[in-house]
Amino acid sequence: MLVIRRRPGETLLIGGEIEVEVLEIASSQVKLGIRAPKQIVVLRKEIQITRQENLAASREKSGSAVNSLLRTLKERERAPIRAL
C-alpha cells in the first residue's frame, strides 16, 4: 500500500485519468473529491462488500427453501386476523 500525505486542496493522480482531491479534513473524517471517467466505477468499499454478501446469500438458497417460504407466506395471507 502506498501512503501519501496530502493537505486540503492538494490532489493526487492515479493512472493519469483519476484525480483525487482532499477537500476537507475534520477530527475523525476526510472528505475527498474524485474525478474519474464515467466508465470507471467509484464506490465505497463497504457498499461493494454488502453487495457481494447479498449475492452470495441469494445463491445459497435452494429452490425447495424458496418454495417453502412461498407456501408459508400464502398460508399467512389466508389465516384470519386476530384482534388484540
PDB file of N, CA and C in Angstrom:
ATOM      1  N   MET A   1       0.838  -1.171   0.000  1.00  0.00           N
ATOM      2  CA  MET A   1       0.000   0.000   0.000  1.00  0.00           C
ATOM      3  C   MET A   1       0.891   1.245   0.000  1.00  0.00           C
ATOM      4  N   LEU A   2       0.585   2.140  -0.876  1.00  0.00           N
ATOM      5  CA  LEU A   2       1.282   3.414  -0.941  1.00  0.00           C
ATOM      6  C   LEU A   2       0.594   4.390  -0.001  1.00  0.00           C
ATOM      7  N   VAL A   3       1.344   5.060   0.847  1.00  0.00           N
ATOM      8  CA  VAL A   3       0.799   6.045   1.774  1.00  0.00           C
ATOM      9  C   VAL A   3       1.322   7.418   1.366  1.00  0.00           C
ATOM     10  N   ILE A   4       0.392   8.357   1.140  1.00  0.00           N
ATOM     11  CA  ILE A   4       0.760   9.706   0.708  1.00  0.00           C
ATOM     12  C   ILE A   4       0.086  10.702   1.640  1.00  0.00           C
ATOM     13  N   ARG A   5       0.840  11.658   2.103  1.00  0.00           N
ATOM     14  CA  ARG A   5       0.252  12.720   2.930  1.00  0.00           C
ATOM     15  C   ARG A   5      -0.180  13.865   2.023  1.00  0.00           C
ATOM     16  N   ARG A   6      -1.387  14.337   2.235  1.00  0.00           N
ATOM     17  CA  ARG A   6      -1.935  15.453   1.461  1.00  0.00           C
ATOM     18  C   ARG A   6      -2.661  16.386   2.412  1.00  0.00           C
ATOM     19  N   ARG A   7      -2.695  17.649   2.055  1.00  0.00           N
ATOM     20  CA  ARG A   7      -3.431  18.666   2.814  1.00  0.00           C
ATOM     21  C   ARG A   7      -4.663  19.061   2.016  1.00  0.00           C
ATOM     22  N   PRO A   8      -5.636  19.690   2.668  1.00  0.00           N
ATOM     23  CA  PRO A   8      -6.819  20.160   1.923  1.00  0.00           C
ATOM     24  C   PRO A   8      -6.404  21.007   0.721  1.00  0.00           C
ATOM     25  N   GLY A   9      -7.029  20.745  -0.412  1.00  0.00           N
ATOM     26  CA  GLY A   9      -6.719  21.455  -1.650  1.00  0.00           C
ATOM     27  C   GLY A   9      -5.676  20.753  -2.499  1.00  0.00           C
ATOM     28  N   GLU A  10      -4.945  19.798  -1.927  1.00  0.00           N
ATOM     29  CA  GLU A  10      -3.937  19.065  -2.682  1.00  0.00           C
ATOM     30  C   GLU A  10      -4.572  17.835  -3.334  1.00  0.00           C
ATOM     31  N   THR A  11      -3.977  17.402  -4.436  1.00  0.00           N
ATOM     32  CA  THR A  11      -4.529  16.280  -5.195  1.00  0.00           C
ATOM     33  C   THR A  11      -3.469  15.213  -5.437  1.00  0.00           C
ATOM     34  N   LEU A  12      -3.951  14.070  -5.892  1.00  0.00           N
ATOM     35  CA  LEU A  12      -3.053  13.041  -6.389  1.00  0.00           C
ATOM     36  C   LEU A  12      -3.697  12.438  -7.622  1.00  0.00           C
ATOM     37  N   LEU A  13      -2.876  11.929  -8.515  1.00  0.00           N
ATOM     38  CA  LEU A  13      -3.354  11.337  -9.760  1.00  0.00           C
ATOM     39  C   LEU A  13      -3.130   9.836  -9.736  1.00  0.00           C
ATOM     40  N   ILE A  14      -4.098   9.113 -10.291  1.00  0.00           N
ATOM     41  CA  ILE A  14      -3.988   7.666 -10.423  1.00  0.00           C
ATOM     42  C   ILE A  14      -4.121   7.338 -11.903  1.00  0.00           C
ATOM     43  N   GLY A  15      -3.063   6.829 -12.470  1.00  0.00           N
ATOM     44  CA  GLY A  15      -3.086   6.419 -13.867  1.00  0.00           C
ATOM     45  C   GLY A  15      -3.345   7.533 -14.859  1.00  0.00           C
ATOM     46  N   GLY A  16      -3.185   8.758 -14.487  1.00  0.00           N
ATOM     47  CA  GLY A  16      -3.371   9.867 -15.419  1.00  0.00           C
ATOM     48  C   GLY A  16      -4.818  10.210 -15.709  1.00  0.00           C
ATOM     49  N   GLU A  17      -5.772   9.349 -15.352  1.00  0.00           N
ATOM     50  CA  GLU A  17      -7.184   9.608 -15.635  1.00  0.00           C
ATOM     51  C   GLU A  17      -8.007   9.892 -14.381  1.00  0.00           C
ATOM     52  N   ILE A  18      -7.507   9.482 -13.231  1.00  0.00           N
ATOM     53  CA  ILE A  18      -8.263   9.634 -11.995  1.00  0.00           C
ATOM     54  C   ILE A  18      -7.548  10.640 -11.106  1.00  0.00           C
ATOM     55  N   GLU A  19      -8.308  11.638 -10.642  1.00  0.00           N
ATOM     56  CA  GLU A  19      -7.768  12.673  -9.772  1.00  0.00           C
ATOM     57  C   GLU A  19      -8.525  12.632  -8.457  1.00  0.00           C
ATOM     58  N   VAL A  20      -7.779  12.568  -7.347  1.00  0.00           N
ATOM     59  CA  VAL A  20      -8.374  12.556  -6.018  1.00  0.00           C
ATOM     60  C   VAL A  20      -7.893  13.813  -5.298  1.00  0.00           C
ATOM     61  N   GLU A  21      -8.844  14.628  -4.851  1.00  0.00           N
ATOM     62  CA  GLU A  21      -8.513  15.873  -4.156  1.00  0.00           C
ATOM     63  C   GLU A  21      -9.004  15.798  -2.716  1.00  0.00           C
ATOM     64  N   VAL A  22      -8.161  16.225  -1.788  1.00  0.00           N
ATOM     65  CA  VAL A  22      -8.562  16.322  -0.390  1.00  0.00           C
ATOM     66  C   VAL A  22      -9.326  17.633  -0.254  1.00  0.00           C
ATOM     67  N   LEU A  23     -10.616  17.539   0.045  1.00  0.00           N
ATOM     68  CA  LEU A  23     -11.449  18.723   0.141  1.00  0.00           C
ATOM     69  C   LEU A  23     -11.490  19.300   1.554  1.00  0.00           C
ATOM     70  N   GLU A  24     -11.550  18.402   2.533  1.00  0.00           N
ATOM     71  CA  GLU A  24     -11.722  18.862   3.912  1.00  0.00           C
ATOM     72  C   GLU A  24     -11.216  17.787   4.865  1.00  0.00           C
ATOM     73  N   ILE A  25     -10.610  18.217   5.955  1.00  0.00           N
ATOM     74  CA  ILE A  25     -10.170  17.290   6.992  1.00  0.00           C
ATOM     75  C   ILE A  25     -10.805  17.735   8.300  1.00  0.00           C
ATOM     76  N   ALA A  26     -11.529  16.817   8.949  1.00  0.00           N
ATOM     77  CA  ALA A  26     -12.120  17.078  10.259  1.00  0.00           C
ATOM     78  C   ALA A  26     -11.444  16.151  11.266  1.00  0.00           C
ATOM     79  N   SER A  27     -11.901  16.189  12.488  1.00  0.00           N
ATOM     80  CA  SER A  27     -11.234  15.399  13.532  1.00  0.00           C
ATOM     81  C   SER A  27     -11.263  13.899  13.254  1.00  0.00           C
ATOM     82  N   SER A  28     -12.364  13.399  12.705  1.00  0.00           N
ATOM     83  CA  SER A  28     -12.444  11.948  12.508  1.00  0.00           C
ATOM     84  C   SER A  28     -12.777  11.540  11.075  1.00  0.00           C
ATOM     85  N   GLN A  29     -12.759  12.470  10.136  1.00  0.00           N
ATOM     86  CA  GLN A  29     -13.039  12.092   8.758  1.00  0.00           C
ATOM     87  C   GLN A  29     -12.333  13.002   7.763  1.00  0.00           C
ATOM     88  N   VAL A  30     -12.211  12.469   6.564  1.00  0.00           N
ATOM     89  CA  VAL A  30     -11.593  13.194   5.466  1.00  0.00           C
ATOM     90  C   VAL A  30     -12.599  13.221   4.324  1.00  0.00           C
ATOM     91  N   LYS A  31     -12.822  14.383   3.732  1.00  0.00           N
ATOM     92  CA  LYS A  31     -13.731  14.490   2.594  1.00  0.00           C
ATOM     93  C   LYS A  31     -12.871  14.547   1.326  1.00  0.00           C
ATOM     94  N   LEU A  32     -13.142  13.601   0.417  1.00  0.00           N
ATOM     95  CA  LEU A  32     -12.383  13.511  -0.826  1.00  0.00           C
ATOM     96  C   LEU A  32     -13.276  13.841  -2.008  1.00  0.00           C
ATOM     97  N   GLY A  33     -12.705  14.448  -3.019  1.00  0.00           N
ATOM     98  CA  GLY A  33     -13.365  14.643  -4.303  1.00  0.00           C
ATOM     99  C   GLY A  33     -12.649  13.776  -5.326  1.00  0.00           C
ATOM    100  N   ILE A  34     -13.416  13.048  -6.122  1.00  0.00           N
ATOM    101  CA  ILE A  34     -12.809  12.125  -7.088  1.00  0.00           C
ATOM    102  C   ILE A  34     -13.310  12.458  -8.485  1.00  0.00           C
ATOM    103  N   ARG A  35     -12.381  12.714  -9.390  1.00  0.00           N
ATOM    104  CA  ARG A  35     -12.709  12.922 -10.800  1.00  0.00           C
ATOM    105  C   ARG A  35     -12.196  11.705 -11.567  1.00  0.00           C
ATOM    106  N   ALA A  36     -13.137  11.032 -12.241  1.00  0.00           N
ATOM    107  CA  ALA A  36     -12.766   9.830 -12.994  1.00  0.00           C
ATOM    108  C   ALA A  36     -13.653   9.740 -14.222  1.00  0.00           C
ATOM    109  N   PRO A  37     -13.180   9.074 -15.269  1.00  0.00           N
ATOM    110  CA  PRO A  37     -14.033   8.864 -16.441  1.00  0.00           C
ATOM    111  C   PRO A  37     -15.310   8.125 -16.051  1.00  0.00           C
ATOM    112  N   LYS A  38     -16.401   8.386 -16.776  1.00  0.00           N
ATOM    113  CA  LYS A  38     -17.691   7.792 -16.449  1.00  0.00           C
ATOM    114  C   LYS A  38     -17.672   6.271 -16.478  1.00  0.00           C
ATOM    115  N   GLN A  39     -16.835   5.668 -17.295  1.00  0.00           N
ATOM    116  CA  GLN A  39     -16.812   4.212 -17.397  1.00  0.00           C
ATOM    117  C   GLN A  39     -16.122   3.548 -16.208  1.00  0.00           C
ATOM    118  N   ILE A  40     -15.482   4.316 -15.339  1.00  0.00           N
ATOM    119  CA  ILE A  40     -14.822   3.761 -14.153  1.00  0.00           C
ATOM    120  C   ILE A  40     -15.775   3.882 -12.968  1.00  0.00           C
ATOM    121  N   VAL A  41     -16.057   2.746 -12.341  1.00  0.00           N
ATOM    122  CA  VAL A  41     -16.954   2.718 -11.190  1.00  0.00           C
ATOM    123  C   VAL A  41     -16.190   3.159  -9.951  1.00  0.00           C
ATOM    124  N   VAL A  42     -16.758   4.118  -9.229  1.00  0.00           N
ATOM    125  CA  VAL A  42     -16.174   4.590  -7.977  1.00  0.00           C
ATOM    126  C   VAL A  42     -17.238   4.404  -6.900  1.00  0.00           C
ATOM    127  N   LEU A  43     -16.927   3.580  -5.897  1.00  0.00           N
ATOM    128  CA  LEU A  43     -17.871   3.391  -4.807  1.00  0.00           C
ATOM    129  C   LEU A  43     -17.135   3.061  -3.519  1.00  0.00           C
ATOM    130  N   ARG A  44     -17.853   3.231  -2.405  1.00  0.00           N
ATOM    131  CA  ARG A  44     -17.261   2.921  -1.099  1.00  0.00           C
ATOM    132  C   ARG A  44     -17.114   1.406  -0.969  1.00  0.00           C
ATOM    133  N   LYS A  45     -16.035   0.978  -0.336  1.00  0.00           N
ATOM    134  CA  LYS A  45     -15.747  -0.446  -0.228  1.00  0.00           C
ATOM    135  C   LYS A  45     -16.845  -1.188   0.522  1.00  0.00           C
ATOM    136  N   GLU A  46     -17.412  -0.581   1.573  1.00  0.00           N
ATOM    137  CA  GLU A  46     -18.445  -1.277   2.339  1.00  0.00           C
ATOM    138  C   GLU A  46     -19.689  -1.551   1.494  1.00  0.00           C
ATOM    139  N   ILE A  47     -19.954  -0.712   0.498  1.00  0.00           N
ATOM    140  CA  ILE A  47     -21.073  -0.952  -0.415  1.00  0.00           C
ATOM    141  C   ILE A  47     -20.773  -2.188  -1.268  1.00  0.00           C
ATOM    142  N   GLN A  48     -19.568  -2.304  -1.759  1.00  0.00           N
ATOM    143  CA  GLN A  48     -19.176  -3.464  -2.566  1.00  0.00           C
ATOM    144  C   GLN A  48     -19.231  -4.747  -1.736  1.00  0.00           C
ATOM    145  N   ILE A  49     -18.763  -4.700  -0.502  1.00  0.00           N
ATOM    146  CA  ILE A  49     -18.779  -5.877   0.365  1.00  0.00           C
ATOM    147  C   ILE A  49     -20.213  -6.324   0.637  1.00  0.00           C
ATOM    148  N   THR A  50     -21.098  -5.369   0.937  1.00  0.00           N
ATOM    149  CA  THR A  50     -22.500  -5.698   1.191  1.00  0.00           C
ATOM    150  C   THR A  50     -23.134  -6.319  -0.041  1.00  0.00           C
ATOM    151  N   ARG A  51     -22.848  -5.785  -1.208  1.00  0.00           N
ATOM    152  CA  ARG A  51     -23.398  -6.333  -2.458  1.00  0.00           C
ATOM    153  C   ARG A  51     -22.929  -7.774  -2.663  1.00  0.00           C
ATOM    154  N   GLN A  52     -21.642  -8.012  -2.437  1.00  0.00           N
ATOM    155  CA  GLN A  52     -21.108  -9.362  -2.595  1.00  0.00           C
ATOM    156  C   GLN A  52     -21.737 -10.335  -1.601  1.00  0.00           C
ATOM    157  N   GLU A  53     -21.924  -9.887  -0.349  1.00  0.00           N
ATOM    158  CA  GLU A  53     -22.560 -10.734   0.663  1.00  0.00           C
ATOM    159  C   GLU A  53     -24.004 -11.048   0.285  1.00  0.00           C
ATOM    160  N   ASN A  54     -24.723 -10.058  -0.211  1.00  0.00           N
ATOM    161  CA  ASN A  54     -26.117 -10.270  -0.628  1.00  0.00           C
ATOM    162  C   ASN A  54     -26.205 -11.256  -1.790  1.00  0.00           C
ATOM    163  N   LEU A  55     -25.308 -11.121  -2.752  1.00  0.00           N
ATOM    164  CA  LEU A  55     -25.300 -12.052  -3.882  1.00  0.00           C
ATOM    165  C   LEU A  55     -24.984 -13.471  -3.429  1.00  0.00           C
ATOM    166  N   ALA A  56     -24.020 -13.606  -2.533  1.00  0.00           N
ATOM    167  CA  ALA A  56     -23.662 -14.933  -2.026  1.00  0.00           C
ATOM    168  C   ALA A  56     -24.828 -15.540  -1.253  1.00  0.00           C
ATOM    169  N   ALA A  57     -25.503 -14.749  -0.437  1.00  0.00           N
ATOM    170  CA  ALA A  57     -26.637 -15.255   0.346  1.00  0.00           C
ATOM    171  C   ALA A  57     -27.778 -15.680  -0.565  1.00  0.00           C
ATOM    172  N   SER A  58     -27.984 -14.962  -1.653  1.00  0.00           N
ATOM    173  CA  SER A  58     -29.083 -15.307  -2.553  1.00  0.00           C
ATOM    174  C   SER A  58     -28.787 -16.602  -3.309  1.00  0.00           C
ATOM    175  N   ARG A  59     -27.533 -16.913  -3.533  1.00  0.00           N
ATOM    176  CA  ARG A  59     -27.164 -18.145  -4.226  1.00  0.00           C
ATOM    177  C   ARG A  59     -27.273 -19.367  -3.324  1.00  0.00           C
ATOM    178  N   GLU A  60     -27.168 -19.163  -2.015  1.00  0.00           N
ATOM    179  CA  GLU A  60     -27.152 -20.285  -1.080  1.00  0.00           C
ATOM    180  C   GLU A  60     -28.533 -20.910  -0.882  1.00  0.00           C
ATOM    181  N   LYS A  61     -29.587 -20.236  -1.265  1.00  0.00           N
ATOM    182  CA  LYS A  61     -30.934 -20.742  -1.047  1.00  0.00           C
ATOM    183  C   LYS A  61     -31.316 -21.715  -2.144  1.00  0.00           C
ATOM    184  N   SER A  62     -31.797 -22.869  -1.730  1.00  0.00           N
ATOM    185  CA  SER A  62     -32.221 -23.870  -2.703  1.00  0.00           C
ATOM    186  C   SER A  62     -33.633 -23.543  -3.180  1.00  0.00           C
ATOM    187  N   GLY A  63     -34.015 -24.153  -4.270  1.00  0.00           N
ATOM    188  CA  GLY A  63     -35.359 -23.963  -4.799  1.00  0.00           C
ATOM    189  C   GLY A  63     -36.419 -24.425  -3.819  1.00  0.00           C
ATOM    190  N   SER A  64     -36.152 -25.517  -3.098  1.00  0.00           N
ATOM    191  CA  SER A  64     -37.136 -26.018  -2.136  1.00  0.00           C
ATOM    192  C   SER A  64     -37.306 -25.047  -0.969  1.00  0.00           C
ATOM    193  N   ALA A  65     -36.223 -24.377  -0.559  1.00  0.00           N
ATOM    194  CA  ALA A  65     -36.330 -23.401   0.527  1.00  0.00           C
ATOM    195  C   ALA A  65     -37.188 -22.216   0.100  1.00  0.00           C
ATOM    196  N   VAL A  66     -37.033 -21.772  -1.123  1.00  0.00           N
ATOM    197  CA  VAL A  66     -37.829 -20.660  -1.638  1.00  0.00           C
ATOM    198  C   VAL A  66     -39.296 -21.073  -1.737  1.00  0.00           C
ATOM    199  N   ASN A  67     -39.566 -22.281  -2.227  1.00  0.00           N
ATOM    200  CA  ASN A  67     -40.942 -22.767  -2.319  1.00  0.00           C
ATOM    201  C   ASN A  67     -41.578 -22.902  -0.948  1.00  0.00           C
ATOM    202  N   SER A  68     -40.822 -23.349   0.019  1.00  0.00           N
ATOM    203  CA  SER A  68     -41.323 -23.467   1.387  1.00  0.00           C
ATOM    204  C   SER A  68     -41.696 -22.094   1.946  1.00  0.00           C
ATOM    205  N   LEU A  69     -40.865 -21.115   1.699  1.00  0.00           N
ATOM    206  CA  LEU A  69     -41.155 -19.757   2.143  1.00  0.00           C
ATOM    207  C   LEU A  69     -42.415 -19.226   1.476  1.00  0.00           C
ATOM    208  N   LEU A  70     -42.574 -19.458   0.192  1.00  0.00           N
ATOM    209  CA  LEU A  70     -43.781 -19.017  -0.520  1.00  0.00           C
ATOM    210  C   LEU A  70     -45.033 -19.663   0.060  1.00  0.00           C
ATOM    211  N   ARG A  71     -44.962 -20.963   0.363  1.00  0.00           N
ATOM    212  CA  ARG A  71     -46.119 -21.643   0.969  1.00  0.00           C
ATOM    213  C   ARG A  71     -46.475 -21.024   2.311  1.00  0.00           C
ATOM    214  N   THR A  72     -45.468 -20.750   3.127  1.00  0.00           N
ATOM    215  CA  THR A  72     -45.699 -20.148   4.442  1.00  0.00           C
ATOM    216  C   THR A  72     -46.352 -18.783   4.309  1.00  0.00           C
ATOM    217  N   LEU A  73     -45.873 -17.964   3.381  1.00  0.00           N
ATOM    218  CA  LEU A  73     -46.447 -16.635   3.188  1.00  0.00           C
ATOM    219  C   LEU A  73     -47.889 -16.720   2.697  1.00  0.00           C
ATOM    220  N   LYS A  74     -48.172 -17.654   1.807  1.00  0.00           N
ATOM    221  CA  LYS A  74     -49.542 -17.817   1.303  1.00  0.00           C
ATOM    222  C   LYS A  74     -50.480 -18.280   2.418  1.00  0.00           C
ATOM    223  N   GLU A  75     -49.995 -19.158   3.292  1.00  0.00           N
ATOM    224  CA  GLU A  75     -50.808 -19.614   4.413  1.00  0.00           C
ATOM    225  C   GLU A  75     -51.128 -18.462   5.354  1.00  0.00           C
ATOM    226  N   ARG A  76     -50.177 -17.594   5.577  1.00  0.00           N
ATOM    227  CA  ARG A  76     -50.411 -16.431   6.451  1.00  0.00           C
ATOM    228  C   ARG A  76     -51.415 -15.475   5.830  1.00  0.00           C
ATOM    229  N   GLU A  77     -51.404 -15.358   4.512  1.00  0.00           N
ATOM    230  CA  GLU A  77     -52.381 -14.497   3.837  1.00  0.00           C
ATOM    231  C   GLU A  77     -53.795 -14.994   4.070  1.00  0.00           C
ATOM    232  N   ARG A  78     -53.986 -16.316   4.086  1.00  0.00           N
ATOM    233  CA  ARG A  78     -55.312 -16.905   4.234  1.00  0.00           C
ATOM    234  C   ARG A  78     -55.767 -16.985   5.682  1.00  0.00           C
ATOM    235  N   ALA A  79     -54.836 -16.905   6.633  1.00  0.00           N
ATOM    236  CA  ALA A  79     -55.202 -17.050   8.040  1.00  0.00           C
ATOM    237  C   ALA A  79     -56.038 -15.858   8.493  1.00  0.00           C
ATOM    238  N   PRO A  80     -57.033 -16.089   9.361  1.00  0.00           N
ATOM    239  CA  PRO A  80     -57.859 -14.975   9.841  1.00  0.00           C
ATOM    240  C   PRO A  80     -57.041 -14.033  10.723  1.00  0.00           C
ATOM    241  N   ILE A  81     -57.407 -12.774  10.700  1.00  0.00           N
ATOM    242  CA  ILE A  81     -56.735 -11.760  11.515  1.00  0.00           C
ATOM    243  C   ILE A  81     -57.336 -11.804  12.911  1.00  0.00           C
ATOM    244  N   ARG A  82     -56.498 -11.895  13.907  1.00  0.00           N
ATOM    245  CA  ARG A  82     -56.946 -11.965  15.290  1.00  0.00           C
ATOM    246  C   ARG A  82     -56.905 -10.576  15.913  1.00  0.00           C
ATOM    247  N   ALA A  83     -57.936 -10.236  16.684  1.00  0.00           N
ATOM    248  CA  ALA A  83     -57.974  -8.964  17.384  1.00  0.00           C
ATOM    249  C   ALA A  83     -57.063  -9.048  18.603  1.00  0.00           C
ATOM    250  N   LEU A  84     -56.398  -7.970  18.897  1.00  0.00           N
ATOM    251  CA  LEU A  84     -55.506  -7.940  20.063  1.00  0.00           C
ATOM    252  C   LEU A  84     -56.245  -7.554  21.308  1.00  0.00           C
TER     253      LEU A  84
END
